[in-house]
């Protein structure tokens, strides 16, 4: 990003990926750590000249992996703002953070209405985050693409805002893979709408048999205890579906203002994607449950 090298930048970059590196080395002997060179691997990059570091590694716990990507954006006072993308597979955790408060780094007034100008957040019925801000840190230059992504279904990350810069699994997370299975097997695509609307009498007979096979009143082997609870869950997902289709700008190109020490919006990319409810359920990611 910037053709300037100094000890401060080096320290900032290494500090940004230290959680991932420490997870890898936590069970290694000191001699093995000294010999370790993670940047021999093609997927790992250390480019101090351009203020960029990328670390993708597996560490010795249940085949877990972590990813840390960090980039330095130079300020007019020669200091650096660092942006960090962090992901941990075994805790279904993603995090976008900085060495500065995120609200002071992103464009002024940045939030969910940047992507959905018509949205009135006071009327939202959910108390959980719906979207995650995926920011692609560039290795060179300062143009930075941000995209609104739907959080995997079932994570249920508590939030008073539909947009979050981090999420992870918790004891509130729920495995909803049966819904994806149901969407893939139904004969009548209207079945999902009937379920969400609780108009169960309209459901095709064969589809109804399939639905009943996914319900367990004792909640021992299936995700849902009753037809009503399945319908309630589908109503929540359909609300997310409607919100997804209200997105006016799916992605933005941000650029860096050295003097203001924050990003500004350079380009807004209109959302032209459309899909029906069934396709939405099939295409989105789902929380897969505890890894260990």
C-alpha atoms as a PDB file:
ATOM      1  CA  UNK A   1       0.000   0.000   0.000  1.00  0.00           C
ATOM      2  CA  UNK A   2       2.803   2.398   0.821  1.00  0.00           C
ATOM      3  CA  UNK A   3       6.417   2.200  -0.245  1.00  0.00           C
ATOM      4  CA  UNK A   4       7.858   3.076   3.138  1.00  0.00           C
ATOM      5  CA  UNK A   5       9.399   0.697   5.655  1.00  0.00           C
ATOM      6  CA  UNK A   6      10.038   1.329   9.346  1.00  0.00           C
ATOM      7  CA  UNK A   7      10.111  -0.533  12.639  1.00  0.00           C
ATOM      8  CA  UNK A   8       6.778   0.922  13.744  1.00  0.00           C
ATOM      9  CA  UNK A   9       4.982  -0.438  10.681  1.00  0.00           C
ATOM     10  CA  UNK A  10       6.636  -3.827  11.108  1.00  0.00           C
ATOM     11  CA  UNK A  11       5.468  -3.998  14.728  1.00  0.00           C
ATOM     12  CA  UNK A  12       1.930  -2.942  13.814  1.00  0.00           C
ATOM     13  CA  UNK A  13       1.647  -5.590  11.107  1.00  0.00           C
ATOM     14  CA  UNK A  14       2.998  -8.405  13.281  1.00  0.00           C
ATOM     15  CA  UNK A  15       0.798  -7.374  16.177  1.00  0.00           C
ATOM     16  CA  UNK A  16      -2.209  -7.575  13.831  1.00  0.00           C
ATOM     17  CA  UNK A  17      -1.639 -11.264  13.083  1.00  0.00           C
ATOM     18  CA  UNK A  18      -0.350 -12.269  16.525  1.00  0.00           C
ATOM     19  CA  UNK A  19      -3.585 -14.082  17.604  1.00  0.00           C
ATOM     20  CA  UNK A  20      -3.321 -16.455  14.648  1.00  0.00           C
ATOM     21  CA  UNK A  21       0.416 -16.937  15.052  1.00  0.00           C
ATOM     22  CA  UNK A  22       0.091 -17.618  18.789  1.00  0.00           C
ATOM     23  CA  UNK A  23      -2.610 -20.229  18.130  1.00  0.00           C
ATOM     24  CA  UNK A  24      -0.189 -22.027  15.821  1.00  0.00           C
ATOM     25  CA  UNK A  25       2.800 -21.874  18.178  1.00  0.00           C
ATOM     26  CA  UNK A  26       1.048 -22.393  21.515  1.00  0.00           C
ATOM     27  CA  UNK A  27       1.973 -26.085  21.688  1.00  0.00           C
ATOM     28  CA  UNK A  28       5.359 -25.928  19.972  1.00  0.00           C
ATOM     29  CA  UNK A  29       8.733 -26.109  21.658  1.00  0.00           C
ATOM     30  CA  UNK A  30      10.827 -22.909  21.616  1.00  0.00           C
ATOM     31  CA  UNK A  31      13.354 -24.534  19.254  1.00  0.00           C
ATOM     32  CA  UNK A  32      10.593 -25.418  16.789  1.00  0.00           C
ATOM     33  CA  UNK A  33       9.201 -21.883  16.948  1.00  0.00           C
ATOM     34  CA  UNK A  34      12.615 -20.444  16.154  1.00  0.00           C
ATOM     35  CA  UNK A  35      12.871 -22.632  13.039  1.00  0.00           C
ATOM     36  CA  UNK A  36       9.318 -21.872  11.944  1.00  0.00           C
ATOM     37  CA  UNK A  37       8.835 -19.790   8.804  1.00  0.00           C
ATOM     38  CA  UNK A  38       5.109 -19.552   8.059  1.00  0.00           C
ATOM     39  CA  UNK A  39       5.796 -17.425   4.990  1.00  0.00           C
ATOM     40  CA  UNK A  40       7.281 -20.386   3.169  1.00  0.00           C
ATOM     41  CA  UNK A  41       3.660 -21.338   2.517  1.00  0.00           C
ATOM     42  CA  UNK A  42       2.151 -19.846  -0.638  1.00  0.00           C
ATOM     43  CA  UNK A  43      -1.053 -18.710   1.096  1.00  0.00           C
ATOM     44  CA  UNK A  44       0.859 -16.518   3.571  1.00  0.00           C
ATOM     45  CA  UNK A  45       2.212 -13.103   2.590  1.00  0.00           C
ATOM     46  CA  UNK A  46       4.438 -10.630   4.375  1.00  0.00           C
ATOM     47  CA  UNK A  47       4.892  -7.495   2.276  1.00  0.00           C
ATOM     48  CA  UNK A  48       6.273  -4.824   4.571  1.00  0.00           C
ATOM     49  CA  UNK A  49       7.079  -2.522   1.653  1.00  0.00           C
ATOM     50  CA  UNK A  50       3.374  -2.237   0.813  1.00  0.00           C
ATOM     51  CA  UNK A  51       2.140  -2.478   4.403  1.00  0.00           C
ATOM     52  CA  UNK A  52       0.355  -5.809   3.997  1.00  0.00           C
ATOM     53  CA  UNK A  53       0.384  -9.118   5.861  1.00  0.00           C
ATOM     54  CA  UNK A  54      -1.712 -12.270   5.404  1.00  0.00           C
ATOM     55  CA  UNK A  55      -1.601 -15.342   7.615  1.00  0.00           C
ATOM     56  CA  UNK A  56      -3.767 -18.434   6.998  1.00  0.00           C
ATOM     57  CA  UNK A  57      -2.930 -21.418   9.166  1.00  0.00           C
ATOM     58  CA  UNK A  58      -4.302 -24.547  10.780  1.00  0.00           C
ATOM     59  CA  UNK A  59      -3.553 -25.037  14.443  1.00  0.00           C
ATOM     60  CA  UNK A  60      -3.650 -28.183  16.611  1.00  0.00           C
ATOM     61  CA  UNK A  61      -7.196 -28.154  17.887  1.00  0.00           C
ATOM     62  CA  UNK A  62      -9.803 -30.235  16.035  1.00  0.00           C
ATOM     63  CA  UNK A  63      -8.394 -29.219  12.653  1.00  0.00           C
ATOM     64  CA  UNK A  64      -9.269 -25.561  13.233  1.00  0.00           C
ATOM     65  CA  UNK A  65      -7.877 -22.765  11.112  1.00  0.00           C
ATOM     66  CA  UNK A  66      -7.520 -19.042  11.500  1.00  0.00           C
ATOM     67  CA  UNK A  67      -6.988 -16.218   9.050  1.00  0.00           C
ATOM     68  CA  UNK A  68      -5.551 -12.775   9.785  1.00  0.00           C
ATOM     69  CA  UNK A  69      -5.186 -10.198   7.017  1.00  0.00           C
ATOM     70  CA  UNK A  70      -3.984  -6.681   7.820  1.00  0.00           C
ATOM     71  CA  UNK A  71      -3.207  -3.601   5.772  1.00  0.00           C
ATOM     72  CA  UNK A  72      -1.644  -0.255   6.668  1.00  0.00           C
ATOM     73  CA  UNK A  73      -3.139   3.038   5.489  1.00  0.00           C
ATOM     74  CA  UNK A  74      -0.745   5.943   5.931  1.00  0.00           C
ATOM     75  CA  UNK A  75      -1.877   9.151   7.574  1.00  0.00           C
ATOM     76  CA  UNK A  76      -0.618  12.635   6.758  1.00  0.00           C
ATOM     77  CA  UNK A  77       1.233  12.703  10.098  1.00  0.00           C
ATOM     78  CA  UNK A  78       3.226   9.610   8.983  1.00  0.00           C
ATOM     79  CA  UNK A  79       1.356   7.377  11.435  1.00  0.00           C
ATOM     80  CA  UNK A  80      -0.657   4.366  10.232  1.00  0.00           C
ATOM     81  CA  UNK A  81      -4.221   3.191  10.476  1.00  0.00           C
ATOM     82  CA  UNK A  82      -4.317  -0.615  10.418  1.00  0.00           C
ATOM     83  CA  UNK A  83      -7.351  -2.569   9.227  1.00  0.00           C
ATOM     84  CA  UNK A  84      -7.577  -6.224  10.216  1.00  0.00           C
ATOM     85  CA  UNK A  85      -9.780  -9.034   8.914  1.00  0.00           C
ATOM     86  CA  UNK A  86      -9.866 -11.972  11.304  1.00  0.00           C
ATOM     87  CA  UNK A  87     -11.598 -15.351  10.970  1.00  0.00           C
ATOM     88  CA  UNK A  88     -11.665 -18.453  13.200  1.00  0.00           C
ATOM     89  CA  UNK A  89     -13.289 -21.595  11.840  1.00  0.00           C
ATOM     90  CA  UNK A  90     -13.970 -23.527  15.052  1.00  0.00           C
ATOM     91  CA  UNK A  91     -15.854 -20.681  16.721  1.00  0.00           C
ATOM     92  CA  UNK A  92     -17.511 -19.506  13.488  1.00  0.00           C
ATOM     93  CA  UNK A  93     -16.013 -16.113  14.278  1.00  0.00           C
ATOM     94  CA  UNK A  94     -15.336 -13.215  11.952  1.00  0.00           C
ATOM     95  CA  UNK A  95     -14.107  -9.801  12.940  1.00  0.00           C
ATOM     96  CA  UNK A  96     -13.241  -6.568  11.164  1.00  0.00           C
ATOM     97  CA  UNK A  97     -11.312  -4.218  13.411  1.00  0.00           C
ATOM     98  CA  UNK A  98      -8.624  -1.554  13.513  1.00  0.00           C
ATOM     99  CA  UNK A  99      -6.056   0.054  15.764  1.00  0.00           C
ATOM    100  CA  UNK A 100      -8.441   3.050  15.712  1.00  0.00           C
ATOM    101  CA  UNK A 101     -12.191   3.130  16.509  1.00  0.00           C
ATOM    102  CA  UNK A 102     -14.045   1.804  13.449  1.00  0.00           C
ATOM    103  CA  UNK A 103     -16.498   4.706  13.466  1.00  0.00           C
ATOM    104  CA  UNK A 104     -13.571   7.107  13.049  1.00  0.00           C
ATOM    105  CA  UNK A 105     -12.059   5.088  10.194  1.00  0.00           C
ATOM    106  CA  UNK A 106     -15.112   4.393   8.025  1.00  0.00           C
ATOM    107  CA  UNK A 107     -16.846   7.226   6.113  1.00  0.00           C
ATOM    108  CA  UNK A 108     -18.839   9.733   8.155  1.00  0.00           C
ATOM    109  CA  UNK A 109     -22.393   8.512   8.752  1.00  0.00           C
ATOM    110  CA  UNK A 110     -21.504   4.990   7.589  1.00  0.00           C
ATOM    111  CA  UNK A 111     -23.976   2.269   8.582  1.00  0.00           C
ATOM    112  CA  UNK A 112     -26.753   0.014   7.332  1.00  0.00           C
ATOM    113  CA  UNK A 113     -28.474   2.963   5.631  1.00  0.00           C
ATOM    114  CA  UNK A 114     -25.399   3.385   3.435  1.00  0.00           C
ATOM    115  CA  UNK A 115     -26.530   0.166   1.749  1.00  0.00           C
ATOM    116  CA  UNK A 116     -30.300   0.365   2.381  1.00  0.00           C
ATOM    117  CA  UNK A 117     -31.187   4.100   2.412  1.00  0.00           C
ATOM    118  CA  UNK A 118     -34.910   3.396   2.821  1.00  0.00           C
ATOM    119  CA  UNK A 119     -34.528   1.264   5.965  1.00  0.00           C
ATOM    120  CA  UNK A 120     -36.018   2.499   9.239  1.00  0.00           C
ATOM    121  CA  UNK A 121     -34.072   0.560  11.873  1.00  0.00           C
ATOM    122  CA  UNK A 122     -36.461   1.446  14.706  1.00  0.00           C
ATOM    123  CA  UNK A 123     -39.062  -0.895  13.199  1.00  0.00           C
ATOM    124  CA  UNK A 124     -36.860  -3.980  12.863  1.00  0.00           C
ATOM    125  CA  UNK A 125     -38.398  -6.991  14.679  1.00  0.00           C
ATOM    126  CA  UNK A 126     -35.119  -8.866  15.301  1.00  0.00           C
ATOM    127  CA  UNK A 127     -32.622  -8.370  18.127  1.00  0.00           C
ATOM    128  CA  UNK A 128     -29.754  -9.926  16.211  1.00  0.00           C
ATOM    129  CA  UNK A 129     -27.296  -8.825  13.557  1.00  0.00           C
ATOM    130  CA  UNK A 130     -28.263  -9.757  10.005  1.00  0.00           C
ATOM    131  CA  UNK A 131     -25.377  -8.453   7.921  1.00  0.00           C
ATOM    132  CA  UNK A 132     -21.603  -8.523   8.255  1.00  0.00           C
ATOM    133  CA  UNK A 133     -19.319  -5.991   6.603  1.00  0.00           C
ATOM    134  CA  UNK A 134     -16.825  -7.898   4.459  1.00  0.00           C
ATOM    135  CA  UNK A 135     -13.920  -5.584   3.703  1.00  0.00           C
ATOM    136  CA  UNK A 136     -11.307  -6.729   1.173  1.00  0.00           C
ATOM    137  CA  UNK A 137      -7.970  -5.281   2.245  1.00  0.00           C
ATOM    138  CA  UNK A 138      -5.827  -4.617  -0.853  1.00  0.00           C
ATOM    139  CA  UNK A 139      -2.167  -5.530  -1.031  1.00  0.00           C
ATOM    140  CA  UNK A 140      -1.403  -2.501  -3.191  1.00  0.00           C
ATOM    141  CA  UNK A 141      -3.139   0.843  -3.395  1.00  0.00           C
ATOM    142  CA  UNK A 142      -5.833   2.158  -1.090  1.00  0.00           C
ATOM    143  CA  UNK A 143      -9.055   1.453  -2.982  1.00  0.00           C
ATOM    144  CA  UNK A 144     -10.926  -0.937  -0.711  1.00  0.00           C
ATOM    145  CA  UNK A 145     -14.063  -2.888  -1.582  1.00  0.00           C
ATOM    146  CA  UNK A 146     -16.689  -3.491   1.100  1.00  0.00           C
ATOM    147  CA  UNK A 147     -19.620  -5.838   0.612  1.00  0.00           C
ATOM    148  CA  UNK A 148     -22.712  -6.497   2.694  1.00  0.00           C
ATOM    149  CA  UNK A 149     -22.928 -10.223   3.512  1.00  0.00           C
ATOM    150  CA  UNK A 150     -25.706 -12.155   5.211  1.00  0.00           C
ATOM    151  CA  UNK A 151     -24.474 -13.744   8.444  1.00  0.00           C
ATOM    152  CA  UNK A 152     -24.750 -17.570   8.350  1.00  0.00           C
ATOM    153  CA  UNK A 153     -28.231 -18.667   9.391  1.00  0.00           C
ATOM    154  CA  UNK A 154     -28.358 -19.982  12.932  1.00  0.00           C
ATOM    155  CA  UNK A 155     -25.480 -17.904  14.359  1.00  0.00           C
ATOM    156  CA  UNK A 156     -28.028 -15.652  16.126  1.00  0.00           C
ATOM    157  CA  UNK A 157     -25.492 -13.005  17.107  1.00  0.00           C
ATOM    158  CA  UNK A 158     -27.191 -10.576  19.520  1.00  0.00           C
ATOM    159  CA  UNK A 159     -27.065  -6.951  18.392  1.00  0.00           C
ATOM    160  CA  UNK A 160     -29.140  -3.785  18.436  1.00  0.00           C
ATOM    161  CA  UNK A 161     -28.100  -3.102  14.847  1.00  0.00           C
ATOM    162  CA  UNK A 162     -28.685  -5.212  11.710  1.00  0.00           C
ATOM    163  CA  UNK A 163     -25.072  -4.497  10.646  1.00  0.00           C
ATOM    164  CA  UNK A 164     -22.093  -5.756  12.633  1.00  0.00           C
ATOM    165  CA  UNK A 165     -18.333  -5.753  12.219  1.00  0.00           C
ATOM    166  CA  UNK A 166     -17.990  -9.014  14.118  1.00  0.00           C
ATOM    167  CA  UNK A 167     -19.920 -12.164  14.982  1.00  0.00           C
ATOM    168  CA  UNK A 168     -19.341 -15.563  16.549  1.00  0.00           C
ATOM    169  CA  UNK A 169     -21.281 -18.581  17.726  1.00  0.00           C
ATOM    170  CA  UNK A 170     -22.755 -18.666  21.220  1.00  0.00           C
ATOM    171  CA  UNK A 171     -25.179 -20.697  23.327  1.00  0.00           C
ATOM    172  CA  UNK A 172     -27.915 -18.930  21.324  1.00  0.00           C
ATOM    173  CA  UNK A 173     -26.707 -20.444  18.042  1.00  0.00           C
ATOM    174  CA  UNK A 174     -28.969 -23.010  16.404  1.00  0.00           C
ATOM    175  CA  UNK A 175     -28.350 -25.595  13.720  1.00  0.00           C
ATOM    176  CA  UNK A 176     -30.796 -24.795  10.908  1.00  0.00           C
ATOM    177  CA  UNK A 177     -29.403 -27.148   8.281  1.00  0.00           C
ATOM    178  CA  UNK A 178     -32.763 -28.950   8.168  1.00  0.00           C
ATOM    179  CA  UNK A 179     -34.229 -25.813   6.591  1.00  0.00           C
ATOM    180  CA  UNK A 180     -31.666 -25.925   3.800  1.00  0.00           C
ATOM    181  CA  UNK A 181     -32.426 -29.626   3.357  1.00  0.00           C
ATOM    182  CA  UNK A 182     -36.154 -28.887   3.243  1.00  0.00           C
ATOM    183  CA  UNK A 183     -35.650 -26.164   0.625  1.00  0.00           C
ATOM    184  CA  UNK A 184     -33.676 -28.596  -1.532  1.00  0.00           C
ATOM    185  CA  UNK A 185     -36.302 -31.378  -1.384  1.00  0.00           C
ATOM    186  CA  UNK A 186     -39.740 -29.740  -1.584  1.00  0.00           C
ATOM    187  CA  UNK A 187     -41.817 -30.334  -4.708  1.00  0.00           C
ATOM    188  CA  UNK A 188     -43.833 -27.106  -4.557  1.00  0.00           C
ATOM    189  CA  UNK A 189     -41.750 -23.934  -4.208  1.00  0.00           C
ATOM    190  CA  UNK A 190     -44.745 -22.231  -2.554  1.00  0.00           C
ATOM    191  CA  UNK A 191     -44.475 -24.627   0.398  1.00  0.00           C
ATOM    192  CA  UNK A 192     -41.889 -22.406   2.088  1.00  0.00           C
ATOM    193  CA  UNK A 193     -44.196 -19.410   1.767  1.00  0.00           C
ATOM    194  CA  UNK A 194     -47.118 -21.399   3.179  1.00  0.00           C
ATOM    195  CA  UNK A 195     -44.961 -22.429   6.132  1.00  0.00           C
ATOM    196  CA  UNK A 196     -43.817 -18.860   6.798  1.00  0.00           C
ATOM    197  CA  UNK A 197     -47.424 -17.646   6.601  1.00  0.00           C
ATOM    198  CA  UNK A 198     -48.696 -20.580   8.760  1.00  0.00           C
ATOM    199  CA  UNK A 199     -51.208 -21.524   6.048  1.00  0.00           C
ATOM    200  CA  UNK A 200     -50.409 -25.180   6.596  1.00  0.00           C
ATOM    201  CA  UNK A 201     -53.572 -26.494   4.937  1.00  0.00           C
ATOM    202  CA  UNK A 202     -52.266 -25.267   1.580  1.00  0.00           C
ATOM    203  CA  UNK A 203     -49.116 -27.385   1.724  1.00  0.00           C
ATOM    204  CA  UNK A 204     -48.720 -30.208  -0.789  1.00  0.00           C
ATOM    205  CA  UNK A 205     -49.280 -33.647   0.766  1.00  0.00           C
ATOM    206  CA  UNK A 206     -45.842 -35.015  -0.152  1.00  0.00           C
ATOM    207  CA  UNK A 207     -44.145 -31.865   1.116  1.00  0.00           C
ATOM    208  CA  UNK A 208     -46.099 -32.111   4.357  1.00  0.00           C
ATOM    209  CA  UNK A 209     -44.787 -35.620   4.934  1.00  0.00           C
ATOM    210  CA  UNK A 210     -41.260 -34.329   4.377  1.00  0.00           C
ATOM    211  CA  UNK A 211     -41.850 -31.501   6.861  1.00  0.00           C
ATOM    212  CA  UNK A 212     -43.147 -33.892   9.523  1.00  0.00           C
ATOM    213  CA  UNK A 213     -39.992 -35.984   9.169  1.00  0.00           C
ATOM    214  CA  UNK A 214     -37.987 -32.947  10.322  1.00  0.00           C
ATOM    215  CA  UNK A 215     -40.000 -32.377  13.506  1.00  0.00           C
ATOM    216  CA  UNK A 216     -39.312 -34.034  16.848  1.00  0.00           C
ATOM    217  CA  UNK A 217     -41.532 -32.999  19.810  1.00  0.00           C
ATOM    218  CA  UNK A 218     -38.793 -34.155  22.198  1.00  0.00           C
ATOM    219  CA  UNK A 219     -36.204 -32.029  20.393  1.00  0.00           C
ATOM    220  CA  UNK A 220     -33.645 -34.818  20.637  1.00  0.00           C
ATOM    221  CA  UNK A 221     -32.620 -35.431  17.037  1.00  0.00           C
ATOM    222  CA  UNK A 222     -34.274 -32.699  14.966  1.00  0.00           C
ATOM    223  CA  UNK A 223     -34.008 -28.914  14.911  1.00  0.00           C
ATOM    224  CA  UNK A 224     -37.708 -28.235  15.479  1.00  0.00           C
ATOM    225  CA  UNK A 225     -40.166 -29.356  18.127  1.00  0.00           C
ATOM    226  CA  UNK A 226     -43.326 -28.395  16.273  1.00  0.00           C
ATOM    227  CA  UNK A 227     -44.741 -27.141  13.000  1.00  0.00           C
ATOM    228  CA  UNK A 228     -45.426 -23.763  14.610  1.00  0.00           C
ATOM    229  CA  UNK A 229     -41.788 -23.361  15.648  1.00  0.00           C
ATOM    230  CA  UNK A 230     -40.621 -24.237  12.143  1.00  0.00           C
ATOM    231  CA  UNK A 231     -43.027 -21.631  10.752  1.00  0.00           C
ATOM    232  CA  UNK A 232     -41.758 -19.025  13.207  1.00  0.00           C
ATOM    233  CA  UNK A 233     -38.171 -19.675  12.159  1.00  0.00           C
ATOM    234  CA  UNK A 234     -39.066 -19.390   8.483  1.00  0.00           C
ATOM    235  CA  UNK A 235     -40.809 -16.072   9.162  1.00  0.00           C
ATOM    236  CA  UNK A 236     -37.564 -14.732  10.592  1.00  0.00           C
ATOM    237  CA  UNK A 237     -35.622 -15.958   7.573  1.00  0.00           C
ATOM    238  CA  UNK A 238     -38.195 -14.502   5.197  1.00  0.00           C
ATOM    239  CA  UNK A 239     -37.831 -11.130   6.904  1.00  0.00           C
ATOM    240  CA  UNK A 240     -34.081 -11.354   6.277  1.00  0.00           C
ATOM    241  CA  UNK A 241     -34.899 -12.275   2.665  1.00  0.00           C
ATOM    242  CA  UNK A 242     -37.042  -9.144   2.259  1.00  0.00           C
ATOM    243  CA  UNK A 243     -34.320  -7.025   3.829  1.00  0.00           C
ATOM    244  CA  UNK A 244     -31.752  -8.552   1.485  1.00  0.00           C
ATOM    245  CA  UNK A 245     -33.839  -7.534  -1.508  1.00  0.00           C
ATOM    246  CA  UNK A 246     -34.155  -4.002  -0.157  1.00  0.00           C
ATOM    247  CA  UNK A 247     -30.380  -3.550  -0.501  1.00  0.00           C
ATOM    248  CA  UNK A 248     -29.782  -0.703  -2.942  1.00  0.00           C
ATOM    249  CA  UNK A 249     -25.983  -0.927  -2.910  1.00  0.00           C
ATOM    250  CA  UNK A 250     -24.500  -4.388  -2.344  1.00  0.00           C
ATOM    251  CA  UNK A 251     -20.901  -3.167  -2.501  1.00  0.00           C
ATOM    252  CA  UNK A 252     -18.931   0.051  -2.226  1.00  0.00           C
ATOM    253  CA  UNK A 253     -15.464   1.108  -3.269  1.00  0.00           C
ATOM    254  CA  UNK A 254     -13.853   3.138  -0.517  1.00  0.00           C
ATOM    255  CA  UNK A 255     -10.668   5.164  -0.795  1.00  0.00           C
ATOM    256  CA  UNK A 256      -8.386   6.601   1.837  1.00  0.00           C
ATOM    257  CA  UNK A 257      -8.083  10.267   2.793  1.00  0.00           C
ATOM    258  CA  UNK A 258      -4.674  10.744   4.451  1.00  0.00           C
ATOM    259  CA  UNK A 259      -5.520  14.165   5.818  1.00  0.00           C
ATOM    260  CA  UNK A 260      -8.908  13.193   7.308  1.00  0.00           C
ATOM    261  CA  UNK A 261      -7.455   9.827   8.413  1.00  0.00           C
ATOM    262  CA  UNK A 262     -10.574   7.995   7.282  1.00  0.00           C
ATOM    263  CA  UNK A 263     -12.209   6.449   4.223  1.00  0.00           C
ATOM    264  CA  UNK A 264     -14.637   8.120   1.866  1.00  0.00           C
ATOM    265  CA  UNK A 265     -17.061   6.490  -0.584  1.00  0.00           C
ATOM    266  CA  UNK A 266     -15.653   6.562  -4.096  1.00  0.00           C
ATOM    267  CA  UNK A 267     -18.123   4.305  -5.914  1.00  0.00           C
ATOM    268  CA  UNK A 268     -21.503   2.776  -5.064  1.00  0.00           C
ATOM    269  CA  UNK A 269     -22.234  -0.522  -6.827  1.00  0.00           C
ATOM    270  CA  UNK A 270     -25.987  -1.090  -7.346  1.00  0.00           C
ATOM    271  CA  UNK A 271     -27.504  -4.368  -6.230  1.00  0.00           C
ATOM    272  CA  UNK A 272     -28.938  -6.087  -9.304  1.00  0.00           C
ATOM    273  CA  UNK A 273     -29.243  -9.557  -7.824  1.00  0.00           C
ATOM    274  CA  UNK A 274     -32.665 -11.128  -7.443  1.00  0.00           C
ATOM    275  CA  UNK A 275     -33.704 -14.600  -6.286  1.00  0.00           C
ATOM    276  CA  UNK A 276     -36.782 -16.241  -4.833  1.00  0.00           C
ATOM    277  CA  UNK A 277     -37.089 -17.296  -1.193  1.00  0.00           C
ATOM    278  CA  UNK A 278     -36.194 -20.926  -1.897  1.00  0.00           C
ATOM    279  CA  UNK A 279     -32.990 -19.950  -3.734  1.00  0.00           C
ATOM    280  CA  UNK A 280     -32.107 -17.585  -0.904  1.00  0.00           C
ATOM    281  CA  UNK A 281     -32.349 -20.416   1.624  1.00  0.00           C
ATOM    282  CA  UNK A 282     -30.295 -22.720  -0.577  1.00  0.00           C
ATOM    283  CA  UNK A 283     -27.524 -20.235  -1.346  1.00  0.00           C
ATOM    284  CA  UNK A 284     -26.830 -18.780   2.072  1.00  0.00           C
ATOM    285  CA  UNK A 285     -24.336 -20.235   4.560  1.00  0.00           C
ATOM    286  CA  UNK A 286     -25.533 -22.019   7.702  1.00  0.00           C
ATOM    287  CA  UNK A 287     -23.925 -22.443  11.107  1.00  0.00           C
ATOM    288  CA  UNK A 288     -22.655 -26.019  11.210  1.00  0.00           C
ATOM    289  CA  UNK A 289     -22.662 -26.512  14.965  1.00  0.00           C
ATOM    290  CA  UNK A 290     -19.767 -26.879  17.430  1.00  0.00           C
ATOM    291  CA  UNK A 291     -16.555 -28.179  15.851  1.00  0.00           C
ATOM    292  CA  UNK A 292     -15.376 -30.156  18.874  1.00  0.00           C
END
